[in-house]
Amino acid sequence: MAKIKATNIKWHHGKITKEDRAKLLNQKGVTIWLTGFSGSGKSTIAVELEHALIENKHQAYILDGDNIRHGLNKNLGFSPEDRTENIRRIGEVTKLFTEANIITIAAFVSPYREDRDNVRKLLAHGEFIEIYVKCSLEVCETRDTKGLYKEARAGKVKDFTGISAPYEEPLNPEITIDTSILSIEESTREILNYLEAKGYVTFYKQ
């Protein structure tokens, strides 16, 4: 992780505690980290999950790989070094969101295991849920709406995960979702069930 270069700085604390925010929002802050190949369904699941949580009166927000590169990380490419810095910055953002007791949904290929583990280390125990959105490369290529796999195989896109760059599968993810088997609705329901079972949220039955 990057070292602090600035001097004469200190962390300033407010009057509102994490517990205060948890009571106000009726939820526990957590980072839900979706990792997997491009086309595995990360962003689609993230959108459905956020919608379901908001509909049930829970505060959630998506941090999506493409969206972040339009602003915060627009100066980064896809080299191994830039990928690591991309995830490091996102990790710091998810930490702030989680401390504010927001359910943060991060959807990033995040191919390197060490980078994901470093984000986990930033957060308190139980505040990082790694979800492996599992899907074979062959199936992901059939969903290639952007044409990226085709261009990567033609050598037009460099450092493309699964083709010209590696992907390291999670060793012990909290949840594994195989989107070649489960629908988006089933995948989303599995995550919601986990969140409720672990006490992050409460869904009131009508």
C-alpha atoms as a PDB file:
ATOM      1  CA  MET A   1       0.000   0.000   0.000  1.00  0.00           C
ATOM      2  CA  ALA A   2       1.149   3.570  -0.663  1.00  0.00           C
ATOM      3  CA  LYS A   3       2.988   5.436   2.075  1.00  0.00           C
ATOM      4  CA  ILE A   4       1.867   8.858   3.319  1.00  0.00           C
ATOM      5  CA  LYS A   5       4.099  11.613   1.931  1.00  0.00           C
ATOM      6  CA  ALA A   6       2.395  14.557   3.647  1.00  0.00           C
ATOM      7  CA  THR A   7       3.672  15.750   7.021  1.00  0.00           C
ATOM      8  CA  ASN A   8       2.014  17.558   9.913  1.00  0.00           C
ATOM      9  CA  ILE A   9      -1.358  15.878   9.383  1.00  0.00           C
ATOM     10  CA  LYS A  10      -3.642  14.120  11.837  1.00  0.00           C
ATOM     11  CA  TRP A  11      -6.960  12.323  11.720  1.00  0.00           C
ATOM     12  CA  HIS A  12      -9.904  14.488  12.841  1.00  0.00           C
ATOM     13  CA  HIS A  13     -12.793  12.810  14.615  1.00  0.00           C
ATOM     14  CA  GLY A  14     -16.397  14.033  14.595  1.00  0.00           C
ATOM     15  CA  LYS A  15     -19.091  13.761  17.259  1.00  0.00           C
ATOM     16  CA  ILE A  16     -21.103  11.113  15.438  1.00  0.00           C
ATOM     17  CA  THR A  17     -20.011   7.528  16.044  1.00  0.00           C
ATOM     18  CA  LYS A  18     -20.311   4.505  13.820  1.00  0.00           C
ATOM     19  CA  GLU A  19     -22.933   3.145  16.212  1.00  0.00           C
ATOM     20  CA  ASP A  20     -24.943   6.374  15.859  1.00  0.00           C
ATOM     21  CA  ARG A  21     -25.009   5.961  12.095  1.00  0.00           C
ATOM     22  CA  ALA A  22     -25.939   2.283  12.353  1.00  0.00           C
ATOM     23  CA  LYS A  23     -28.997   3.151  14.461  1.00  0.00           C
ATOM     24  CA  LEU A  24     -29.985   5.989  12.143  1.00  0.00           C
ATOM     25  CA  LEU A  25     -29.726   3.890   8.974  1.00  0.00           C
ATOM     26  CA  ASN A  26     -30.851   0.573  10.493  1.00  0.00           C
ATOM     27  CA  GLN A  27     -27.957  -1.248   8.856  1.00  0.00           C
ATOM     28  CA  LYS A  28     -24.285  -2.077   9.265  1.00  0.00           C
ATOM     29  CA  GLY A  29     -21.775  -0.573   6.873  1.00  0.00           C
ATOM     30  CA  VAL A  30     -20.096  -3.168   4.695  1.00  0.00           C
ATOM     31  CA  THR A  31     -18.179  -3.423   1.445  1.00  0.00           C
ATOM     32  CA  ILE A  32     -19.514  -6.035  -0.978  1.00  0.00           C
ATOM     33  CA  TRP A  33     -16.684  -6.740  -3.410  1.00  0.00           C
ATOM     34  CA  LEU A  34     -17.702  -8.403  -6.682  1.00  0.00           C
ATOM     35  CA  THR A  35     -14.751  -9.852  -8.593  1.00  0.00           C
ATOM     36  CA  GLY A  36     -14.601 -11.893 -11.785  1.00  0.00           C
ATOM     37  CA  PHE A  37     -13.977 -11.795 -15.517  1.00  0.00           C
ATOM     38  CA  SER A  38     -15.380  -9.070 -17.727  1.00  0.00           C
ATOM     39  CA  GLY A  39     -18.823 -10.287 -18.753  1.00  0.00           C
ATOM     40  CA  SER A  40     -19.305 -12.495 -15.695  1.00  0.00           C
ATOM     41  CA  GLY A  41     -22.208 -10.343 -14.491  1.00  0.00           C
ATOM     42  CA  LYS A  42     -20.615  -8.176 -11.793  1.00  0.00           C
ATOM     43  CA  SER A  43     -22.103  -4.846 -12.858  1.00  0.00           C
ATOM     44  CA  THR A  44     -25.534  -6.309 -13.612  1.00  0.00           C
ATOM     45  CA  ILE A  45     -25.702  -7.969 -10.195  1.00  0.00           C
ATOM     46  CA  ALA A  46     -24.480  -4.759  -8.552  1.00  0.00           C
ATOM     47  CA  VAL A  47     -27.312  -2.766 -10.160  1.00  0.00           C
ATOM     48  CA  GLU A  48     -29.964  -5.275  -9.096  1.00  0.00           C
ATOM     49  CA  LEU A  49     -28.533  -5.536  -5.588  1.00  0.00           C
ATOM     50  CA  GLU A  50     -28.462  -1.776  -5.084  1.00  0.00           C
ATOM     51  CA  HIS A  51     -32.047  -1.492  -6.363  1.00  0.00           C
ATOM     52  CA  ALA A  52     -33.273  -4.251  -4.037  1.00  0.00           C
ATOM     53  CA  LEU A  53     -31.566  -2.698  -1.008  1.00  0.00           C
ATOM     54  CA  ILE A  54     -32.889   0.800  -1.710  1.00  0.00           C
ATOM     55  CA  GLU A  55     -36.402  -0.559  -2.238  1.00  0.00           C
ATOM     56  CA  ASN A  56     -36.136  -2.090   1.220  1.00  0.00           C
ATOM     57  CA  LYS A  57     -35.109   1.247   2.761  1.00  0.00           C
ATOM     58  CA  HIS A  58     -31.393   0.510   3.036  1.00  0.00           C
ATOM     59  CA  GLN A  59     -28.687   2.909   1.898  1.00  0.00           C
ATOM     60  CA  ALA A  60     -26.428   1.431  -0.774  1.00  0.00           C
ATOM     61  CA  TYR A  61     -24.138   2.768  -3.478  1.00  0.00           C
ATOM     62  CA  ILE A  62     -22.319   1.179  -6.433  1.00  0.00           C
ATOM     63  CA  LEU A  63     -18.684   1.789  -7.288  1.00  0.00           C
ATOM     64  CA  ASP A  64     -18.276   0.365 -10.795  1.00  0.00           C
ATOM     65  CA  GLY A  65     -14.992  -0.273 -12.593  1.00  0.00           C
ATOM     66  CA  ASP A  66     -15.826   1.626 -15.781  1.00  0.00           C
ATOM     67  CA  ASN A  67     -17.468   4.533 -13.958  1.00  0.00           C
ATOM     68  CA  ILE A  68     -14.528   5.101 -11.619  1.00  0.00           C
ATOM     69  CA  ARG A  69     -12.142   5.323 -14.576  1.00  0.00           C
ATOM     70  CA  HIS A  70     -14.124   8.290 -15.919  1.00  0.00           C
ATOM     71  CA  GLY A  71     -13.091  10.416 -12.954  1.00  0.00           C
ATOM     72  CA  LEU A  72     -11.132   9.363  -9.878  1.00  0.00           C
ATOM     73  CA  ASN A  73      -8.906   6.937 -11.777  1.00  0.00           C
ATOM     74  CA  LYS A  74      -8.955   8.427 -15.258  1.00  0.00           C
ATOM     75  CA  ASN A  75      -5.168   8.727 -15.215  1.00  0.00           C
ATOM     76  CA  LEU A  76      -4.693   4.957 -14.849  1.00  0.00           C
ATOM     77  CA  GLY A  77      -4.381   2.324 -17.542  1.00  0.00           C
ATOM     78  CA  PHE A  78      -4.403  -1.471 -17.320  1.00  0.00           C
ATOM     79  CA  SER A  79      -0.786  -2.329 -16.619  1.00  0.00           C
ATOM     80  CA  PRO A  80      -0.221  -4.466 -13.505  1.00  0.00           C
ATOM     81  CA  GLU A  81       1.011  -1.380 -11.643  1.00  0.00           C
ATOM     82  CA  ASP A  82      -1.983   0.730 -12.676  1.00  0.00           C
ATOM     83  CA  ARG A  83      -4.417  -2.053 -11.809  1.00  0.00           C
ATOM     84  CA  THR A  84      -2.933  -2.238  -8.317  1.00  0.00           C
ATOM     85  CA  GLU A  85      -3.184   1.528  -7.854  1.00  0.00           C
ATOM     86  CA  ASN A  86      -6.754   1.453  -9.206  1.00  0.00           C
ATOM     87  CA  ILE A  87      -7.813  -1.043  -6.550  1.00  0.00           C
ATOM     88  CA  ARG A  88      -5.828   0.718  -3.812  1.00  0.00           C
ATOM     89  CA  ARG A  89      -7.704   3.969  -4.429  1.00  0.00           C
ATOM     90  CA  ILE A  90     -11.042   2.195  -4.578  1.00  0.00           C
ATOM     91  CA  GLY A  91     -10.204   0.419  -1.337  1.00  0.00           C
ATOM     92  CA  GLU A  92      -9.709   3.746   0.403  1.00  0.00           C
ATOM     93  CA  VAL A  93     -13.045   4.997  -0.968  1.00  0.00           C
ATOM     94  CA  THR A  94     -14.898   1.873   0.186  1.00  0.00           C
ATOM     95  CA  LYS A  95     -13.352   2.300   3.626  1.00  0.00           C
ATOM     96  CA  LEU A  96     -14.812   5.812   3.919  1.00  0.00           C
ATOM     97  CA  PHE A  97     -18.225   4.711   2.651  1.00  0.00           C
ATOM     98  CA  THR A  98     -18.266   1.743   5.014  1.00  0.00           C
ATOM     99  CA  GLU A  99     -17.302   3.916   7.985  1.00  0.00           C
ATOM    100  CA  ALA A 100     -20.304   6.090   7.067  1.00  0.00           C
ATOM    101  CA  ASN A 101     -22.392   2.882   7.355  1.00  0.00           C
ATOM    102  CA  ILE A 102     -23.264   2.761   3.678  1.00  0.00           C
ATOM    103  CA  ILE A 103     -23.575  -0.644   2.023  1.00  0.00           C
ATOM    104  CA  THR A 104     -20.914  -0.220  -0.638  1.00  0.00           C
ATOM    105  CA  ILE A 105     -21.095  -2.423  -3.725  1.00  0.00           C
ATOM    106  CA  ALA A 106     -17.770  -2.551  -5.574  1.00  0.00           C
ATOM    107  CA  ALA A 107     -17.805  -4.211  -9.000  1.00  0.00           C
ATOM    108  CA  PHE A 108     -14.260  -4.605 -10.328  1.00  0.00           C
ATOM    109  CA  VAL A 109     -12.431  -7.307 -12.238  1.00  0.00           C
ATOM    110  CA  SER A 110      -9.667  -6.818  -9.633  1.00  0.00           C
ATOM    111  CA  PRO A 111      -7.614  -9.719 -10.998  1.00  0.00           C
ATOM    112  CA  TYR A 112      -4.882  -9.808  -8.368  1.00  0.00           C
ATOM    113  CA  ARG A 113      -5.506 -11.631  -5.105  1.00  0.00           C
ATOM    114  CA  GLU A 114      -3.057  -9.472  -3.162  1.00  0.00           C
ATOM    115  CA  ASP A 115      -4.857  -6.278  -4.203  1.00  0.00           C
ATOM    116  CA  ARG A 116      -8.208  -7.620  -2.983  1.00  0.00           C
ATOM    117  CA  ASP A 117      -6.625  -8.856   0.249  1.00  0.00           C
ATOM    118  CA  ASN A 118      -5.148  -5.403   0.832  1.00  0.00           C
ATOM    119  CA  VAL A 119      -8.620  -3.867   0.610  1.00  0.00           C
ATOM    120  CA  ARG A 120      -9.870  -6.423   3.129  1.00  0.00           C
ATOM    121  CA  LYS A 121      -7.074  -5.392   5.500  1.00  0.00           C
ATOM    122  CA  LEU A 122      -8.224  -1.756   5.346  1.00  0.00           C
ATOM    123  CA  LEU A 123     -11.602  -2.678   6.807  1.00  0.00           C
ATOM    124  CA  ALA A 124     -12.626  -4.031  10.178  1.00  0.00           C
ATOM    125  CA  HIS A 125     -13.404  -7.710  10.603  1.00  0.00           C
ATOM    126  CA  GLY A 126     -16.697  -8.556   8.922  1.00  0.00           C
ATOM    127  CA  GLU A 127     -16.822  -5.376   6.853  1.00  0.00           C
ATOM    128  CA  PHE A 128     -15.506  -6.927   3.630  1.00  0.00           C
ATOM    129  CA  ILE A 129     -17.549  -9.504   1.749  1.00  0.00           C
ATOM    130  CA  GLU A 130     -15.690 -10.949  -1.212  1.00  0.00           C
ATOM    131  CA  ILE A 131     -18.011 -12.377  -3.848  1.00  0.00           C
ATOM    132  CA  TYR A 132     -16.500 -14.415  -6.631  1.00  0.00           C
ATOM    133  CA  VAL A 133     -18.752 -13.962  -9.648  1.00  0.00           C
ATOM    134  CA  LYS A 134     -17.678 -17.188 -11.290  1.00  0.00           C
ATOM    135  CA  CYS A 135     -18.161 -17.716 -14.999  1.00  0.00           C
ATOM    136  CA  SER A 136     -16.033 -19.512 -17.566  1.00  0.00           C
ATOM    137  CA  LEU A 137     -14.099 -17.457 -20.082  1.00  0.00           C
ATOM    138  CA  GLU A 138     -16.014 -19.184 -22.883  1.00  0.00           C
ATOM    139  CA  VAL A 139     -19.385 -18.068 -21.513  1.00  0.00           C
ATOM    140  CA  CYS A 140     -18.103 -14.551 -20.805  1.00  0.00           C
ATOM    141  CA  GLU A 141     -16.989 -14.260 -24.418  1.00  0.00           C
ATOM    142  CA  THR A 142     -20.499 -15.080 -25.627  1.00  0.00           C
ATOM    143  CA  ARG A 143     -21.726 -12.096 -23.586  1.00  0.00           C
ATOM    144  CA  ASP A 144     -19.123  -9.774 -25.103  1.00  0.00           C
ATOM    145  CA  THR A 145     -21.443  -6.828 -25.809  1.00  0.00           C
ATOM    146  CA  LYS A 146     -18.502  -4.396 -25.969  1.00  0.00           C
ATOM    147  CA  GLY A 147     -16.496  -6.575 -28.326  1.00  0.00           C
ATOM    148  CA  LEU A 148     -13.524  -6.415 -25.978  1.00  0.00           C
ATOM    149  CA  TYR A 149     -12.689 -10.114 -26.013  1.00  0.00           C
ATOM    150  CA  LYS A 150     -12.684 -10.145 -29.795  1.00  0.00           C
ATOM    151  CA  GLU A 151     -10.345  -7.155 -29.884  1.00  0.00           C
ATOM    152  CA  ALA A 152      -8.147  -8.668 -27.175  1.00  0.00           C
ATOM    153  CA  ARG A 153      -7.777 -11.912 -29.105  1.00  0.00           C
ATOM    154  CA  ALA A 154      -6.897  -9.853 -32.184  1.00  0.00           C
ATOM    155  CA  GLY A 155      -4.194  -8.080 -30.176  1.00  0.00           C
ATOM    156  CA  LYS A 156      -5.934  -4.717 -30.342  1.00  0.00           C
ATOM    157  CA  VAL A 157      -6.566  -4.521 -26.580  1.00  0.00           C
ATOM    158  CA  LYS A 158      -3.510  -5.080 -24.401  1.00  0.00           C
ATOM    159  CA  ASP A 159      -3.386  -6.430 -20.829  1.00  0.00           C
ATOM    160  CA  PHE A 160      -6.900  -7.886 -21.051  1.00  0.00           C
ATOM    161  CA  THR A 161      -7.767 -10.171 -18.148  1.00  0.00           C
ATOM    162  CA  GLY A 162      -8.185 -13.794 -19.181  1.00  0.00           C
ATOM    163  CA  ILE A 163      -6.575 -13.282 -22.588  1.00  0.00           C
ATOM    164  CA  SER A 164      -3.290 -11.412 -22.237  1.00  0.00           C
ATOM    165  CA  ALA A 165      -3.322 -10.790 -18.472  1.00  0.00           C
ATOM    166  CA  PRO A 166      -3.885 -13.189 -15.556  1.00  0.00           C
ATOM    167  CA  TYR A 167      -6.833 -13.581 -13.197  1.00  0.00           C
ATOM    168  CA  GLU A 168      -6.261 -14.999  -9.718  1.00  0.00           C
ATOM    169  CA  GLU A 169      -9.401 -16.630  -8.331  1.00  0.00           C
ATOM    170  CA  PRO A 170     -10.339 -15.906  -4.709  1.00  0.00           C
ATOM    171  CA  LEU A 171      -9.198 -18.661  -2.350  1.00  0.00           C
ATOM    172  CA  ASN A 172     -11.808 -18.198   0.380  1.00  0.00           C
ATOM    173  CA  PRO A 173     -14.565 -15.838  -0.792  1.00  0.00           C
ATOM    174  CA  GLU A 174     -17.546 -15.331   1.484  1.00  0.00           C
ATOM    175  CA  ILE A 175     -19.817 -16.127  -1.459  1.00  0.00           C
ATOM    176  CA  THR A 176     -19.290 -17.794  -4.848  1.00  0.00           C
ATOM    177  CA  ILE A 177     -21.942 -17.199  -7.491  1.00  0.00           C
ATOM    178  CA  ASP A 178     -21.812 -19.153 -10.736  1.00  0.00           C
ATOM    179  CA  THR A 179     -23.637 -16.961 -13.234  1.00  0.00           C
ATOM    180  CA  SER A 180     -23.477 -19.637 -15.911  1.00  0.00           C
ATOM    181  CA  ILE A 181     -26.009 -21.490 -13.736  1.00  0.00           C
ATOM    182  CA  LEU A 182     -27.811 -18.842 -11.664  1.00  0.00           C
ATOM    183  CA  SER A 183     -29.928 -16.024 -13.090  1.00  0.00           C
ATOM    184  CA  ILE A 184     -29.302 -12.417 -12.078  1.00  0.00           C
ATOM    185  CA  GLU A 185     -32.358 -12.572  -9.814  1.00  0.00           C
ATOM    186  CA  GLU A 186     -31.132 -15.776  -8.131  1.00  0.00           C
ATOM    187  CA  SER A 187     -27.643 -14.346  -7.721  1.00  0.00           C
ATOM    188  CA  THR A 188     -29.002 -11.173  -6.145  1.00  0.00           C
ATOM    189  CA  ARG A 189     -31.267 -13.121  -3.795  1.00  0.00           C
ATOM    190  CA  GLU A 190     -28.317 -15.206  -2.599  1.00  0.00           C
ATOM    191  CA  ILE A 191     -26.427 -12.048  -1.613  1.00  0.00           C
ATOM    192  CA  LEU A 192     -29.475 -10.511   0.069  1.00  0.00           C
ATOM    193  CA  ASN A 193     -30.049 -13.696   2.056  1.00  0.00           C
ATOM    194  CA  TYR A 194     -26.431 -13.627   3.214  1.00  0.00           C
ATOM    195  CA  LEU A 195     -26.662  -9.978   4.282  1.00  0.00           C
ATOM    196  CA  GLU A 196     -29.793 -10.624   6.296  1.00  0.00           C
ATOM    197  CA  ALA A 197     -28.488 -13.853   7.859  1.00  0.00           C
ATOM    198  CA  LYS A 198     -25.315 -12.086   9.004  1.00  0.00           C
ATOM    199  CA  GLY A 199     -27.245  -9.130  10.451  1.00  0.00           C
ATOM    200  CA  TYR A 200     -26.102  -6.395   8.058  1.00  0.00           C
ATOM    201  CA  VAL A 201     -29.698  -5.572   7.098  1.00  0.00           C
ATOM    202  CA  THR A 202     -33.229  -6.387   8.161  1.00  0.00           C
ATOM    203  CA  PHE A 203     -36.010  -7.006   5.694  1.00  0.00           C
ATOM    204  CA  TYR A 204     -39.469  -6.507   7.145  1.00  0.00           C
ATOM    205  CA  LYS A 205     -41.955  -9.059   5.911  1.00  0.00           C
ATOM    206  CA  GLN A 206     -45.355  -7.728   4.902  1.00  0.00           C
END
